[in-house]
Structure formats: structure tokens, C-alpha cells
N, C-alpha and C. Protein backbone atom coordinates (compact mmCIF):
# COMPACT_ATOMS: atom_id res chain seq x y z
N UNK A 1 0.88 -1.13 0.07
CA UNK A 1 0.46 0.09 -0.29
C UNK A 1 0.61 1.11 0.07
N UNK A 2 1.93 1.47 0.57
CA UNK A 2 2.65 2.41 0.38
C UNK A 2 3.75 2.78 -0.43
N UNK A 3 3.85 1.80 -1.30
CA UNK A 3 4.40 1.59 -2.67
C UNK A 3 3.05 2.44 -3.74
N UNK A 4 1.80 1.99 -3.53
CA UNK A 4 1.37 2.53 -4.25
C UNK A 4 0.59 4.00 -3.70
N UNK A 5 0.60 4.51 -2.30
CA UNK A 5 0.39 5.87 -2.55
C UNK A 5 1.64 6.55 -2.40
N UNK A 6 2.91 6.37 -2.48
CA UNK A 6 4.30 7.01 -3.20
C UNK A 6 3.69 7.22 -4.81
N UNK A 7 3.57 6.37 -5.11
CA UNK A 7 3.18 6.62 -6.74
C UNK A 7 2.21 7.50 -7.32
N UNK A 8 1.06 7.31 -6.36
CA UNK A 8 0.31 8.50 -6.50
C UNK A 8 0.69 9.98 -6.00
N UNK A 9 2.15 10.08 -4.82
CA UNK A 9 2.13 11.71 -4.36
C UNK A 9 3.24 11.74 -5.80
N UNK A 10 3.72 10.67 -6.49
CA UNK A 10 4.78 11.19 -7.29
C UNK A 10 4.18 11.79 -8.29
N UNK A 11 3.04 10.85 -9.06
CA UNK A 11 2.32 11.45 -10.08
C UNK A 11 1.88 12.54 -9.43
N UNK A 12 1.21 12.95 -8.22
CA UNK A 12 1.07 14.70 -8.18
C UNK A 12 1.99 15.46 -8.03
N UNK A 13 3.37 15.25 -7.97
CA UNK A 13 3.80 15.91 -7.84
C UNK A 13 4.70 15.90 -9.07
N UNK A 14 4.20 15.21 -9.80
CA UNK A 14 5.00 15.05 -11.51
C UNK A 14 6.44 15.25 -11.43
N UNK A 15 6.69 13.94 -10.58
CA UNK A 15 8.08 13.48 -10.67
C UNK A 15 8.25 12.48 -11.92
N UNK A 16 9.56 11.92 -12.24
CA UNK A 16 9.19 11.08 -13.36
C UNK A 16 10.20 9.70 -12.58
N UNK A 17 10.41 9.95 -11.70
CA UNK A 17 10.41 8.39 -11.37
C UNK A 17 10.36 8.04 -9.56
N UNK A 18 10.93 7.13 -9.28
CA UNK A 18 10.61 7.05 -7.68
C UNK A 18 12.06 6.54 -7.31
N UNK A 19 13.01 7.07 -7.93
CA UNK A 19 14.22 6.50 -7.30
C UNK A 19 14.34 6.95 -5.57
N UNK A 20 14.41 7.84 -5.38
CA UNK A 20 14.57 8.16 -4.03
C UNK A 20 12.87 8.49 -3.31
N UNK A 21 13.05 8.18 -2.06
CA UNK A 21 11.57 8.45 -1.79
C UNK A 21 11.33 9.51 -1.30
N UNK A 22 10.11 10.08 -1.71
CA UNK A 22 9.49 11.63 -1.16
C UNK A 22 9.04 11.57 0.32
N UNK A 23 9.78 12.88 0.62
CA UNK A 23 9.77 13.38 1.91
C UNK A 23 8.58 13.99 2.37
N UNK A 24 8.08 13.73 3.67
CA UNK A 24 6.93 14.63 4.24
C UNK A 24 6.84 16.16 3.69
N UNK A 25 8.26 16.60 4.13
CA UNK A 25 8.20 17.87 3.83
C UNK A 25 7.85 18.37 2.49
N UNK A 26 7.97 17.33 1.23
CA UNK A 26 8.16 17.75 -0.13
C UNK A 26 6.86 17.08 -0.13
N UNK A 27 5.79 16.54 0.56
CA UNK A 27 4.50 16.65 0.49
C UNK A 27 3.87 17.58 0.95
N UNK A 28 4.29 18.20 2.04
CA UNK A 28 3.73 19.38 2.52
C UNK A 28 3.78 20.07 1.41
N UNK A 29 5.10 20.54 1.16
CA UNK A 29 5.23 21.69 0.39
C UNK A 29 4.35 21.61 -1.31
N UNK A 30 3.81 20.49 -1.62
CA UNK A 30 3.08 20.26 -2.49
C UNK A 30 1.71 20.87 -2.30
N UNK A 31 1.54 20.17 -1.07
CA UNK A 31 -0.28 20.64 -0.65
C UNK A 31 -0.30 21.50 -0.33
N UNK A 32 0.85 22.53 0.22
CA UNK A 32 0.40 24.06 0.06
C UNK A 32 0.69 25.00 -0.99
N UNK A 33 1.40 24.38 -2.14
CA UNK A 33 1.34 25.30 -3.28
C UNK A 33 0.30 25.21 -3.86
N UNK A 34 -0.44 23.95 -4.09
CA UNK A 34 -1.35 23.18 -4.88
C UNK A 34 -2.83 23.33 -4.42
N UNK A 35 -3.76 23.31 -4.90
CA UNK A 35 -5.15 23.59 -4.09
C UNK A 35 -5.76 24.41 -3.67
N UNK A 36 -7.57 24.56 -3.75
CA UNK A 36 -7.98 25.39 -3.08
C UNK A 36 -7.41 26.47 -1.77
N UNK A 37 -7.30 27.78 -1.71
CA UNK A 37 -6.81 28.07 -0.20
C UNK A 37 -7.05 29.43 -0.20
N UNK A 38 -7.12 29.87 1.01
CA UNK A 38 -7.70 31.20 1.57
C UNK A 38 -6.28 31.95 2.46
N UNK A 39 -6.67 32.78 2.65
CA UNK A 39 -5.28 33.57 3.05
C UNK A 39 -3.93 34.14 2.52
N UNK A 40 -3.07 34.66 2.61
CA UNK A 40 -2.01 34.76 1.79
C UNK A 40 -0.92 34.04 2.13
N UNK A 41 0.04 33.52 0.64
CA UNK A 41 0.94 32.34 1.03
C UNK A 41 2.08 32.79 2.19
N UNK A 42 2.10 34.20 2.70
CA UNK A 42 3.08 34.39 3.12
C UNK A 42 3.15 34.37 4.62
N UNK A 43 1.80 34.01 4.88
CA UNK A 43 0.98 33.32 6.26
C UNK A 43 2.00 32.41 6.74
N UNK A 44 2.92 32.74 8.19
CA UNK A 44 3.71 32.14 8.74
C UNK A 44 2.80 30.92 9.01
N UNK A 45 1.89 30.55 9.07
CA UNK A 45 1.31 29.06 9.43
C UNK A 45 0.32 28.83 8.40
N UNK A 46 0.78 27.31 8.16
CA UNK A 46 -0.54 27.01 7.17
C UNK A 46 -0.99 25.62 8.19
N UNK A 47 -2.37 25.98 8.00
CA UNK A 47 -3.19 24.67 8.12
C UNK A 47 -3.83 23.99 6.90
N UNK A 48 -3.58 22.65 6.94
CA UNK A 48 -4.38 22.07 5.74
C UNK A 48 -5.70 20.65 6.52
N UNK A 49 -6.56 20.97 6.02
CA UNK A 49 -7.30 20.11 6.52
C UNK A 49 -8.17 19.30 5.13
N UNK A 50 -8.22 18.22 5.76
CA UNK A 50 -8.54 16.81 4.67
C UNK A 50 -10.02 16.83 5.34
N UNK A 51 -11.02 16.96 4.35
CA UNK A 51 -12.36 16.65 4.47
C UNK A 51 -13.04 15.49 3.93
N UNK A 52 -14.86 15.59 3.99
CA UNK A 52 -15.24 14.74 3.38
C UNK A 52 -16.71 16.05 3.73
N UNK A 53 -16.98 15.79 2.61
CA UNK A 53 -18.37 16.82 2.48
C UNK A 53 -20.00 16.03 3.05
N UNK A 54 -19.34 14.72 3.22
CA UNK A 54 -20.51 14.27 4.00
C UNK A 54 -20.60 14.09 5.10
N UNK A 55 -18.90 14.57 6.39
CA UNK A 55 -18.91 13.99 7.26
C UNK A 55 -19.34 15.22 8.30
N UNK A 56 -20.29 14.73 9.05
CA UNK A 56 -21.31 15.56 9.85
C UNK A 56 -20.05 16.66 10.97
N UNK A 57 -18.76 16.08 11.14
CA UNK A 57 -17.73 16.51 12.49
C UNK A 57 -17.30 17.68 11.14
N UNK A 58 -17.00 17.61 10.13
CA UNK A 58 -16.57 18.27 8.83
C UNK A 58 -17.12 19.56 8.89
N UNK A 59 -18.88 19.03 8.90
CA UNK A 59 -19.65 20.51 8.68
C UNK A 59 -19.78 21.30 10.00
N UNK A 60 -19.84 20.70 11.00
CA UNK A 60 -19.92 20.97 12.59
C UNK A 60 -18.43 22.49 12.59
N UNK A 61 -17.24 21.34 11.85
CA UNK A 61 -16.22 22.60 11.79
C UNK A 61 -16.47 23.86 10.75
N UNK A 62 -16.84 23.27 9.79
CA UNK A 62 -17.34 24.51 8.85
C UNK A 62 -18.21 25.57 9.51
N UNK A 63 -19.03 25.34 10.42
CA UNK A 63 -20.37 26.14 10.71
C UNK A 63 -19.77 27.40 12.03
N UNK A 64 -18.53 26.24 12.96
CA UNK A 64 -18.17 26.73 14.07
C UNK A 64 -17.52 27.45 14.20
N UNK A 65 -16.11 26.53 13.87
CA UNK A 65 -14.31 26.70 13.90
C UNK A 65 -14.12 27.58 13.26
N UNK A 66 -14.61 27.39 11.84
CA UNK A 66 -13.52 27.75 10.45
C UNK A 66 -13.60 29.51 10.68
N UNK A 67 -14.95 29.70 10.65
CA UNK A 67 -15.60 31.04 10.42
C UNK A 67 -14.61 32.04 11.63
N UNK A 68 -14.18 31.21 13.25
CA UNK A 68 -13.82 32.14 13.81
C UNK A 68 -12.25 32.07 13.51
N UNK A 69 -11.76 31.12 12.91
CA UNK A 69 -10.42 31.11 12.40
C UNK A 69 -10.17 31.72 11.43
N UNK A 70 -11.25 32.36 10.57
CA UNK A 70 -10.49 33.13 9.42
C UNK A 70 -11.09 34.50 9.98
N UNK A 71 -11.99 34.88 10.58
CA UNK A 71 -11.33 36.18 11.40
C UNK A 71 -10.36 36.70 12.23
N UNK A 72 -9.84 35.58 12.59
CA UNK A 72 -8.87 35.64 13.39
C UNK A 72 -7.43 35.60 12.86
N UNK A 73 -7.78 34.69 12.04
CA UNK A 73 -6.30 34.60 11.72
C UNK A 73 -6.10 34.22 10.43
N UNK A 74 -6.81 33.91 9.36
CA UNK A 74 -6.69 33.78 7.95
C UNK A 74 -7.06 35.07 7.49
N UNK A 75 -8.00 36.09 7.77
CA UNK A 75 -8.06 36.83 7.07
C UNK A 75 -7.22 37.97 7.74
N UNK A 76 -6.51 38.13 8.85
CA UNK A 76 -5.49 38.87 8.71
C UNK A 76 -3.98 38.64 8.41
N UNK A 77 -4.14 37.60 8.31
CA UNK A 77 -2.58 37.01 6.72
C UNK A 77 -1.87 36.12 8.19
N UNK A 78 -2.23 35.61 9.43
CA UNK A 78 -1.27 35.08 10.10
C UNK A 78 -1.58 33.46 9.43
N UNK A 79 -3.15 33.05 9.61
CA UNK A 79 -2.82 31.56 8.62
C UNK A 79 -3.55 31.34 7.47
N UNK A 80 -2.34 30.20 6.35
CA UNK A 80 -2.66 30.07 5.31
C UNK A 80 -3.92 28.68 5.64
N UNK A 81 -5.22 28.94 5.31
CA UNK A 81 -6.12 27.59 4.93
C UNK A 81 -5.97 26.76 3.98
N UNK A 82 -5.77 25.66 3.50
CA UNK A 82 -5.87 25.01 2.50
C UNK A 82 -6.99 23.72 2.43
N UNK A 83 -7.50 23.59 1.48
CA UNK A 83 -8.75 22.36 1.72
C UNK A 83 -7.84 21.22 0.82
N UNK A 84 -8.20 19.79 1.09
CA UNK A 84 -8.08 18.94 0.58
C UNK A 84 -8.90 17.82 0.73
N UNK A 85 -9.34 17.06 -0.46
CA UNK A 85 -10.86 16.00 -0.15
C UNK A 85 -10.01 14.72 0.67
N UNK A 86 -10.92 14.27 1.13
CA UNK A 86 -10.51 12.92 1.75
C UNK A 86 -11.68 11.75 2.23
N UNK A 87 -12.14 11.54 1.11
CA UNK A 87 -13.43 11.15 0.67
C UNK A 87 -13.34 9.61 0.64
N UNK A 88 -13.90 9.42 2.28
CA UNK A 88 -13.88 8.03 3.28
C UNK A 88 -15.59 7.49 3.11
N UNK A 89 -16.39 8.21 2.62
CA UNK A 89 -17.98 8.16 3.51
C UNK A 89 -18.39 7.40 2.12
N UNK A 90 -17.84 6.62 1.10
CA UNK A 90 -18.68 6.54 0.23
C UNK A 90 -18.48 6.92 -1.38
N UNK A 91 -19.23 6.65 -2.42
CA UNK A 91 -19.57 7.58 -3.72
C UNK A 91 -20.47 8.99 -3.54
N UNK A 92 -20.92 9.09 -2.66
CA UNK A 92 -21.70 10.62 -2.61
C UNK A 92 -20.33 11.28 -2.15
N UNK A 93 -19.68 10.91 -1.19
CA UNK A 93 -18.72 12.07 -1.03
C UNK A 93 -17.28 12.11 -2.60
N UNK A 94 -17.38 10.99 -2.80
CA UNK A 94 -16.37 11.14 -3.94
C UNK A 94 -16.87 11.78 -5.41
N UNK A 95 -18.32 11.84 -5.26
CA UNK A 95 -18.98 12.33 -6.43
C UNK A 95 -18.84 14.32 -6.25
N UNK A 96 -19.15 14.60 -4.59
CA UNK A 96 -19.39 15.73 -4.21
C UNK A 96 -18.05 16.43 -4.56
N UNK A 97 -16.72 15.87 -3.91
CA UNK A 97 -15.66 16.46 -4.17
C UNK A 97 -15.45 16.67 -5.93
N UNK A 98 -15.61 16.09 -6.37
CA UNK A 98 -14.96 16.17 -7.80
C UNK A 98 -16.49 17.27 -8.52
N UNK A 99 -17.20 17.53 -7.84
CA UNK A 99 -18.32 18.74 -8.27
C UNK A 99 -17.40 19.74 -7.50
N UNK A 100 -17.16 19.59 -6.47
CA UNK A 100 -16.23 21.19 -6.12
C UNK A 100 -15.18 21.97 -6.81
N UNK A 101 -14.12 20.29 -7.10
CA UNK A 101 -13.13 20.38 -8.31
C UNK A 101 -13.75 21.14 -9.46
N UNK A 102 -14.70 20.85 -10.10
CA UNK A 102 -15.47 21.34 -11.33
C UNK A 102 -15.84 22.76 -11.01
N UNK A 103 -16.24 22.91 -9.80
CA UNK A 103 -17.16 24.53 -9.66
C UNK A 103 -15.25 25.29 -9.43
N UNK A 104 -14.64 24.80 -8.80
CA UNK A 104 -13.04 25.42 -9.04
C UNK A 104 -12.58 25.59 -10.46
N UNK A 105 -12.47 25.21 -11.40
CA UNK A 105 -12.46 25.18 -12.51
C UNK A 105 -12.70 26.49 -12.68
N UNK A 106 -14.19 27.26 -12.44
CA UNK A 106 -15.29 28.33 -12.91
C UNK A 106 -14.36 28.99 -12.02
N UNK A 107 -13.78 28.98 -10.98
CA UNK A 107 -13.16 29.73 -9.79
C UNK A 107 -14.15 30.27 -8.63
N UNK A 108 -14.93 29.04 -8.89
CA UNK A 108 -15.90 28.81 -7.60
C UNK A 108 -15.76 28.31 -6.63
N UNK A 109 -14.72 27.58 -6.06
CA UNK A 109 -14.77 26.36 -5.20
C UNK A 109 -14.79 26.45 -4.01
N UNK A 110 -14.63 28.01 -3.30
CA UNK A 110 -15.18 27.81 -2.09
C UNK A 110 -16.59 28.26 -1.60
N UNK A 111 -17.29 28.64 -2.80
CA UNK A 111 -19.07 29.60 -2.86
C UNK A 111 -19.55 28.06 -3.18
N UNK A 112 -18.32 26.94 -3.81
CA UNK A 112 -19.62 25.70 -3.92
C UNK A 112 -19.50 24.82 -2.91
N UNK A 113 -17.95 24.87 -2.25
CA UNK A 113 -17.84 24.03 -1.33
C UNK A 113 -18.78 24.73 0.08
N UNK A 114 -18.90 26.08 0.41
CA UNK A 114 -19.93 26.19 1.52
C UNK A 114 -21.46 26.01 1.03
N UNK A 115 -21.85 25.50 -0.49
CA UNK A 115 -23.09 25.21 -0.67
C UNK A 115 -23.14 23.62 -0.21
N UNK A 116 -22.12 22.73 -0.54
CA UNK A 116 -22.49 21.79 -0.19
C UNK A 116 -22.76 21.30 1.18
N UNK A 117 -21.58 22.04 2.45
CA UNK A 117 -21.72 21.85 3.39
C UNK A 117 -23.18 22.19 4.01
N UNK A 118 -23.96 23.41 3.51
CA UNK A 118 -24.84 24.15 3.99
C UNK A 118 -26.01 23.05 3.56
N UNK A 119 -25.71 22.30 2.16
CA UNK A 119 -27.10 21.32 1.79
C UNK A 119 -26.67 19.92 2.69
N UNK A 120 -25.19 19.97 3.11
CA UNK A 120 -25.17 18.21 3.85
C UNK A 120 -26.59 17.74 4.28
N UNK A 121 -27.47 18.13 5.45
CA UNK A 121 -27.96 18.06 5.92
C UNK A 121 -29.41 17.35 5.55
N UNK A 122 -29.31 17.54 4.11
CA UNK A 122 -31.00 17.70 3.31
C UNK A 122 -30.91 16.15 3.19
N UNK A 123 -31.97 15.12 2.50
CA UNK A 123 -31.63 14.29 1.72
C UNK A 123 -31.43 13.92 0.63
N UNK A 124 -30.48 12.95 0.34
CA UNK A 124 -30.51 12.85 -1.27
C UNK A 124 -29.58 14.40 -1.58
N UNK A 125 -28.69 14.92 -0.53
CA UNK A 125 -28.31 16.50 -1.39
C UNK A 125 -27.21 16.11 -2.40
N UNK A 126 -26.87 14.94 -2.39
CA UNK A 126 -25.47 14.56 -3.23
C UNK A 126 -25.77 13.83 -4.24
N UNK A 127 -26.95 13.82 -4.93
CA UNK A 127 -27.19 13.30 -6.41
C UNK A 127 -26.61 14.08 -7.41
N UNK A 128 -26.79 13.31 -8.65
CA UNK A 128 -26.13 14.13 -9.66
C UNK A 128 -26.91 15.24 -9.97
N UNK A 129 -27.99 15.63 -9.82
CA UNK A 129 -29.03 16.21 -10.17
C UNK A 129 -28.90 17.21 -8.97
N UNK A 130 -28.81 17.16 -8.04
CA UNK A 130 -28.51 17.88 -6.93
C UNK A 130 -27.48 18.89 -7.28
N UNK A 131 -26.34 18.39 -7.42
CA UNK A 131 -24.62 18.47 -7.80
C UNK A 131 -24.69 19.68 -9.08
N UNK A 132 -25.26 19.65 -9.86
CA UNK A 132 -25.19 20.33 -11.44
C UNK A 132 -26.50 21.45 -10.60
N UNK A 133 -27.89 21.21 -10.11
CA UNK A 133 -28.74 22.45 -9.75
C UNK A 133 -27.82 23.54 -8.90
N UNK A 134 -27.10 22.71 -8.07
CA UNK A 134 -26.31 23.83 -7.42
C UNK A 134 -25.27 24.88 -7.49
N UNK A 135 -24.59 23.96 -8.29
CA UNK A 135 -23.69 24.80 -9.75
C UNK A 135 -24.97 26.23 -10.59
N UNK A 136 -26.07 26.16 -10.83
CA UNK A 136 -26.86 26.95 -11.76
C UNK A 136 -27.29 27.73 -10.73
N UNK A 137 -27.26 27.16 -9.41
CA UNK A 137 -27.38 28.25 -8.60
C UNK A 137 -26.71 29.12 -8.52
N UNK A 138 -25.53 29.08 -8.70
CA UNK A 138 -23.81 29.78 -8.17
C UNK A 138 -24.04 30.50 -9.34
N UNK A 139 -24.54 30.35 -10.12
CA UNK A 139 -24.30 30.95 -11.48
C UNK A 139 -22.96 30.53 -12.79
N UNK A 140 -22.70 29.28 -11.88
CA UNK A 140 -21.71 28.31 -13.11
C UNK A 140 -22.56 28.10 -14.28
N UNK A 141 -21.37 28.27 -15.26
CA UNK A 141 -21.72 27.94 -16.97
C UNK A 141 -22.14 25.73 -16.37
N UNK A 142 -23.74 26.18 -16.62
CA UNK A 142 -23.75 24.96 -16.37
C UNK A 142 -23.28 24.03 -17.28
N UNK A 143 -23.46 24.54 -18.68
CA UNK A 143 -22.49 23.28 -19.62
C UNK A 143 -21.31 22.87 -19.14
N UNK A 144 -20.52 23.57 -19.25
CA UNK A 144 -18.82 23.69 -18.47
C UNK A 144 -19.03 22.77 -17.42
N UNK A 145 -19.97 22.81 -16.55
CA UNK A 145 -20.04 22.09 -15.19
C UNK A 145 -20.33 20.85 -15.13
N UNK A 146 -21.58 20.69 -16.26
CA UNK A 146 -21.89 19.21 -15.79
C UNK A 146 -20.76 18.69 -16.80
N UNK A 147 -20.31 19.05 -18.39
CA UNK A 147 -19.01 18.00 -18.67
C UNK A 147 -18.00 17.59 -18.08
N UNK A 148 -17.62 18.55 -16.70
CA UNK A 148 -16.44 18.18 -16.11
C UNK A 148 -17.09 17.31 -15.39
N UNK A 149 -18.62 17.16 -14.51
CA UNK A 149 -18.67 16.30 -13.44
C UNK A 149 -19.26 15.14 -14.69
N UNK A 150 -19.70 15.14 -15.54
CA UNK A 150 -19.49 13.86 -15.91
C UNK A 150 -19.02 12.69 -16.41
N UNK A 151 -17.60 13.75 -16.81
CA UNK A 151 -16.90 13.11 -17.50
C UNK A 151 -15.99 11.91 -16.23
N UNK A 152 -16.32 12.49 -15.10
CA UNK A 152 -15.34 12.34 -14.14
C UNK A 152 -13.64 12.65 -14.34
N UNK A 153 -13.52 13.56 -14.99
CA UNK A 153 -12.25 14.09 -14.70
C UNK A 153 -10.91 14.72 -13.91
N UNK A 154 -12.06 14.93 -12.77
CA UNK A 154 -11.56 15.10 -11.28
C UNK A 154 -11.36 13.83 -10.64
N UNK A 155 -12.02 12.97 -11.15
CA UNK A 155 -12.01 11.89 -9.73
C UNK A 155 -10.69 11.35 -9.68
N UNK A 156 -9.62 11.36 -10.66
CA UNK A 156 -7.82 11.02 -9.85
C UNK A 156 -7.18 12.09 -9.23
N UNK A 157 -7.82 13.22 -9.05
CA UNK A 157 -6.89 14.06 -7.77
C UNK A 157 -7.95 13.59 -7.02
N UNK A 158 -9.46 13.65 -6.90
CA UNK A 158 -10.09 13.31 -5.28
C UNK A 158 -9.40 12.19 -5.20
N UNK A 159 -8.90 10.94 -5.27
CA UNK A 159 -8.61 9.79 -5.28
C UNK A 159 -6.84 9.86 -4.38
N UNK A 160 -6.47 11.12 -5.58
CA UNK A 160 -5.06 11.02 -5.01
C UNK A 160 -5.21 11.78 -3.77
N UNK A 161 -5.33 12.78 -3.26
CA UNK A 161 -5.53 13.78 -2.18
C UNK A 161 -6.25 12.80 -1.08
N UNK A 162 -7.08 11.34 -1.52
CA UNK A 162 -7.79 10.75 -0.21
C UNK A 162 -6.43 9.70 0.42
N UNK A 163 -5.70 9.83 -0.76
CA UNK A 163 -4.13 8.24 -0.31
C UNK A 163 -3.51 9.20 0.13
N UNK A 164 -3.46 10.60 -0.03
CA UNK A 164 -1.83 11.12 0.44
C UNK A 164 -2.54 11.21 1.75
N UNK A 165 -3.80 11.65 1.68
CA UNK A 165 -3.95 11.73 3.73
C UNK A 165 -3.59 10.59 4.26
N UNK A 166 -4.63 9.55 3.93
CA UNK A 166 -3.72 8.12 4.62
C UNK A 166 -2.27 7.80 4.71
N UNK A 167 -1.81 8.65 3.61
CA UNK A 167 -0.56 8.60 3.90
C UNK A 167 0.28 9.05 4.61
N UNK A 168 -0.19 10.00 5.39
CA UNK A 168 0.26 11.54 5.98
C UNK A 168 -0.40 10.99 7.82
N UNK A 169 -1.23 9.96 7.62
CA UNK A 169 -1.33 9.53 8.89
C UNK A 169 -3.07 9.92 9.24
N UNK A 170 -4.08 10.52 8.15
CA UNK A 170 -5.33 10.70 8.57
C UNK A 170 -5.79 9.26 8.57
N UNK A 171 -6.81 8.81 9.69
CA UNK A 171 -7.60 7.82 9.78
C UNK A 171 -9.19 8.33 10.03
N UNK A 172 -9.64 9.76 9.67
CA UNK A 172 -10.91 9.93 9.52
C UNK A 172 -10.72 11.34 9.57
N UNK A 173 -12.23 11.84 9.57
CA UNK A 173 -12.56 13.26 8.77
C UNK A 173 -13.10 13.86 10.23
N UNK A 174 -12.79 14.60 10.57
CA UNK A 174 -11.86 15.73 9.28
C UNK A 174 -10.60 15.59 10.07
N UNK A 175 -9.54 16.13 9.44
CA UNK A 175 -8.02 15.65 9.69
C UNK A 175 -7.23 17.30 9.17
N UNK A 176 -6.45 17.59 10.20
CA UNK A 176 -5.83 18.79 10.13
C UNK A 176 -4.24 18.72 10.06
N UNK A 177 -3.66 18.82 9.27
CA UNK A 177 -2.01 19.26 9.76
C UNK A 177 -1.85 20.58 9.96
N UNK A 178 -1.24 21.41 10.69
CA UNK A 178 -0.66 22.74 11.21
C UNK A 178 0.58 22.91 11.32
N UNK A 179 1.17 22.85 9.95
CA UNK A 179 2.36 23.37 10.28
C UNK A 179 3.08 21.82 9.89
N UNK A 180 2.50 21.15 9.68
CA UNK A 180 3.04 19.69 9.71
C UNK A 180 2.31 18.88 10.84
N UNK A 181 1.90 19.32 12.28
CA UNK A 181 1.72 18.42 13.20
C UNK A 181 -0.32 17.94 12.62
N UNK A 182 -0.69 16.82 13.39
CA UNK A 182 -1.49 16.36 12.99
C UNK A 182 -2.56 16.81 13.99
N UNK A 183 -3.81 17.40 13.48
CA UNK A 183 -4.70 17.21 14.62
C UNK A 183 -5.77 16.62 13.91
N UNK A 184 -6.44 16.08 14.72
CA UNK A 184 -7.13 15.12 14.46
C UNK A 184 -8.87 15.22 15.10
N UNK A 185 -10.10 15.60 14.05
CA UNK A 185 -10.90 15.91 14.46
C UNK A 185 -11.28 16.95 14.59
N UNK A 186 -12.96 17.30 14.77
CA UNK A 186 -13.17 19.07 15.06
C UNK A 186 -13.34 19.48 15.99
N UNK A 187 -11.92 20.02 16.05
CA UNK A 187 -11.73 20.71 17.91
C UNK A 187 -12.52 21.81 18.06
N UNK A 188 -12.26 21.86 19.09
CA UNK A 188 -12.85 23.41 19.24
C UNK A 188 -12.03 24.56 18.70
N UNK A 189 -12.45 25.86 18.21
CA UNK A 189 -11.85 26.88 18.18
C UNK A 189 -10.35 27.15 19.34
N UNK A 190 -10.63 26.78 20.35
CA UNK A 190 -9.44 26.83 21.92
C UNK A 190 -8.45 26.44 21.27
N UNK A 191 -8.51 24.78 20.65
CA UNK A 191 -7.60 23.83 20.51
C UNK A 191 -6.58 24.48 19.49
N UNK A 192 -6.98 24.64 18.34
CA UNK A 192 -6.70 25.77 17.03
C UNK A 192 -5.69 26.52 17.82
N UNK A 193 -6.55 27.69 18.12
CA UNK A 193 -6.00 28.66 18.89
C UNK A 193 -4.51 28.44 19.64
N UNK A 194 -4.62 27.71 20.21
CA UNK A 194 -3.27 27.06 21.61
C UNK A 194 -2.63 26.99 20.75
N UNK A 195 -2.94 26.19 19.83
CA UNK A 195 -1.47 25.55 19.02
C UNK A 195 -0.87 26.94 17.61
N UNK A 196 -1.94 27.37 17.29
CA UNK A 196 -1.21 28.58 16.07
C UNK A 196 -0.31 29.47 17.29
N UNK A 197 -0.49 30.04 18.04
CA UNK A 197 -0.32 30.88 19.01
C UNK A 197 1.17 30.38 19.16
N UNK A 198 1.14 28.98 19.37
CA UNK A 198 2.49 28.65 19.90
C UNK A 198 3.43 28.29 18.72
N UNK A 199 2.79 28.55 16.96
CA UNK A 199 3.79 28.17 16.24
C UNK A 199 4.29 30.19 15.93
N UNK A 200 3.46 30.66 15.88
CA UNK A 200 3.60 32.40 15.53
C UNK A 200 4.65 32.93 16.31
N UNK A 201 4.74 32.10 17.64
CA UNK A 201 5.79 32.21 18.85
C UNK A 201 7.35 32.44 18.08
N UNK A 202 7.16 31.41 17.66
CA UNK A 202 8.18 30.63 16.73
C UNK A 202 9.28 31.20 15.98
N UNK A 203 10.57 31.58 16.17
CA UNK A 203 11.08 32.40 15.29
C UNK A 203 11.46 32.19 13.93
N UNK A 204 11.37 30.92 13.65
CA UNK A 204 10.98 30.20 12.19
C UNK A 204 9.87 29.86 11.24
N UNK A 205 9.03 30.33 12.39
CA UNK A 205 7.45 29.98 11.86
C UNK A 205 7.39 30.09 10.71
N UNK A 206 7.85 31.50 10.03
CA UNK A 206 7.75 32.15 9.20
C UNK A 206 7.99 31.64 7.76
N UNK A 207 9.08 30.35 7.85
CA UNK A 207 10.01 30.16 7.15
C UNK A 207 9.22 28.53 6.75
N UNK A 208 8.78 27.74 7.66
CA UNK A 208 7.55 26.64 7.56
C UNK A 208 6.31 26.62 6.63
N UNK A 209 6.39 26.00 5.52
CA UNK A 209 5.42 25.50 5.09
C UNK A 209 5.08 26.42 3.47
N UNK A 210 6.50 27.27 3.20
CA UNK A 210 6.22 28.08 1.96
C UNK A 210 6.24 27.35 0.75
N UNK A 211 5.24 27.99 -0.11
CA UNK A 211 5.22 27.23 -1.17
C UNK A 211 6.25 27.27 -2.56
């Protein structure tokens, strides 16, 4: 399994060979550079979330903790927040993640991300028809979005990120890596606050997780 995960990581990093094992720092550098993010690249702290749109604890984090993190740390430029897929709750999760990436092709990943979590509590929220209707509601170009979703072109990306999350030690959702430190579960804001403040006090924190 490790070999397969290394292969996925290598492909995502566009390496031509696996002659040398990929280091965790290289993986985090890739995760920090590519993918949907909020905040500035110059932020001294990087927080990466591995999440599943069907996960109720992920939805709780989105509802209660993320807005507080955004207000105190992300918007002021102290934390860069990155979202990555960890689709462990079945096919609907996988398809919803692909839909979010299709929305991202039109510059609206975060709007679609928010729409998915807002809709997650309703029955059949992640059917193909529903996912396409969300795109229409958000003003996306329906034909392009529908073609993207139906083609499955984002599936490898979603599968690859899920594999990377497992490779790094994530065993459930949500899982977070704060400057490389694993935090498991929808922790309250105070837990994130304590770790972030500790990182901000480190002289070398500004050098960590740069793209």
C-alpha cells in the first residue's frame, strides 16, 4: 500500500521516477502550493484540512470553528488555510468532491464548498441532479460544469488526495495538519488557537510551509 501511495504522490508532484523516496516535507510543500486556499501565501502558519463533504464533524468545523479562524487568523494574514479531499464515506462523497473541483475550474470552489456543507443535512443532497442544480444556483456555466462532472475528469485528483491523507496518517475526518502537526477531529476553536499561537511565537515559523 505504501508503494501505491508513493506512486500517487509522485504523480501529483509530477516526478519522473521513484528512485528516491518522497519526504513528508515535499508532500506538505505540494499540498501547500496546489489546491483551494484562503489567506496569503506569506502567512507563517499553514493549516491543511482533509475533509469529506458528507462528514457531520467536518460540517460542524465549517459552521462553528472555521469562521472564527478566518476572523482571527486567516483574514489578517497569519494563517493560510488549505482544503483537501479525504473521501472516506462512499461514492456520494467522491462525486461531491469532484463537483467542488469542477466549480473550482470556474473560480468558485469556496462558494460551492459552502453550498455543499450547507446542503449536507438534507436527504439526497449529493445526487448528480442536486450537484448540478447547486452549480446553476451559484451562477456557474452549466454546460461546462456538467461536462466536467459527467466526464469524471477530477476523480484521480480526489482519489490522489485521499491517498495522500492516508499516507500522512489521517484515519478519519476531519483531519488537520498545522505546520505539519496532525490534529484529529472537529476540535474547538480554542485547540486550534493554542497551537497557532505557539507556532506564531517560533522564530522560524515564517519559514515553514512556504510554497
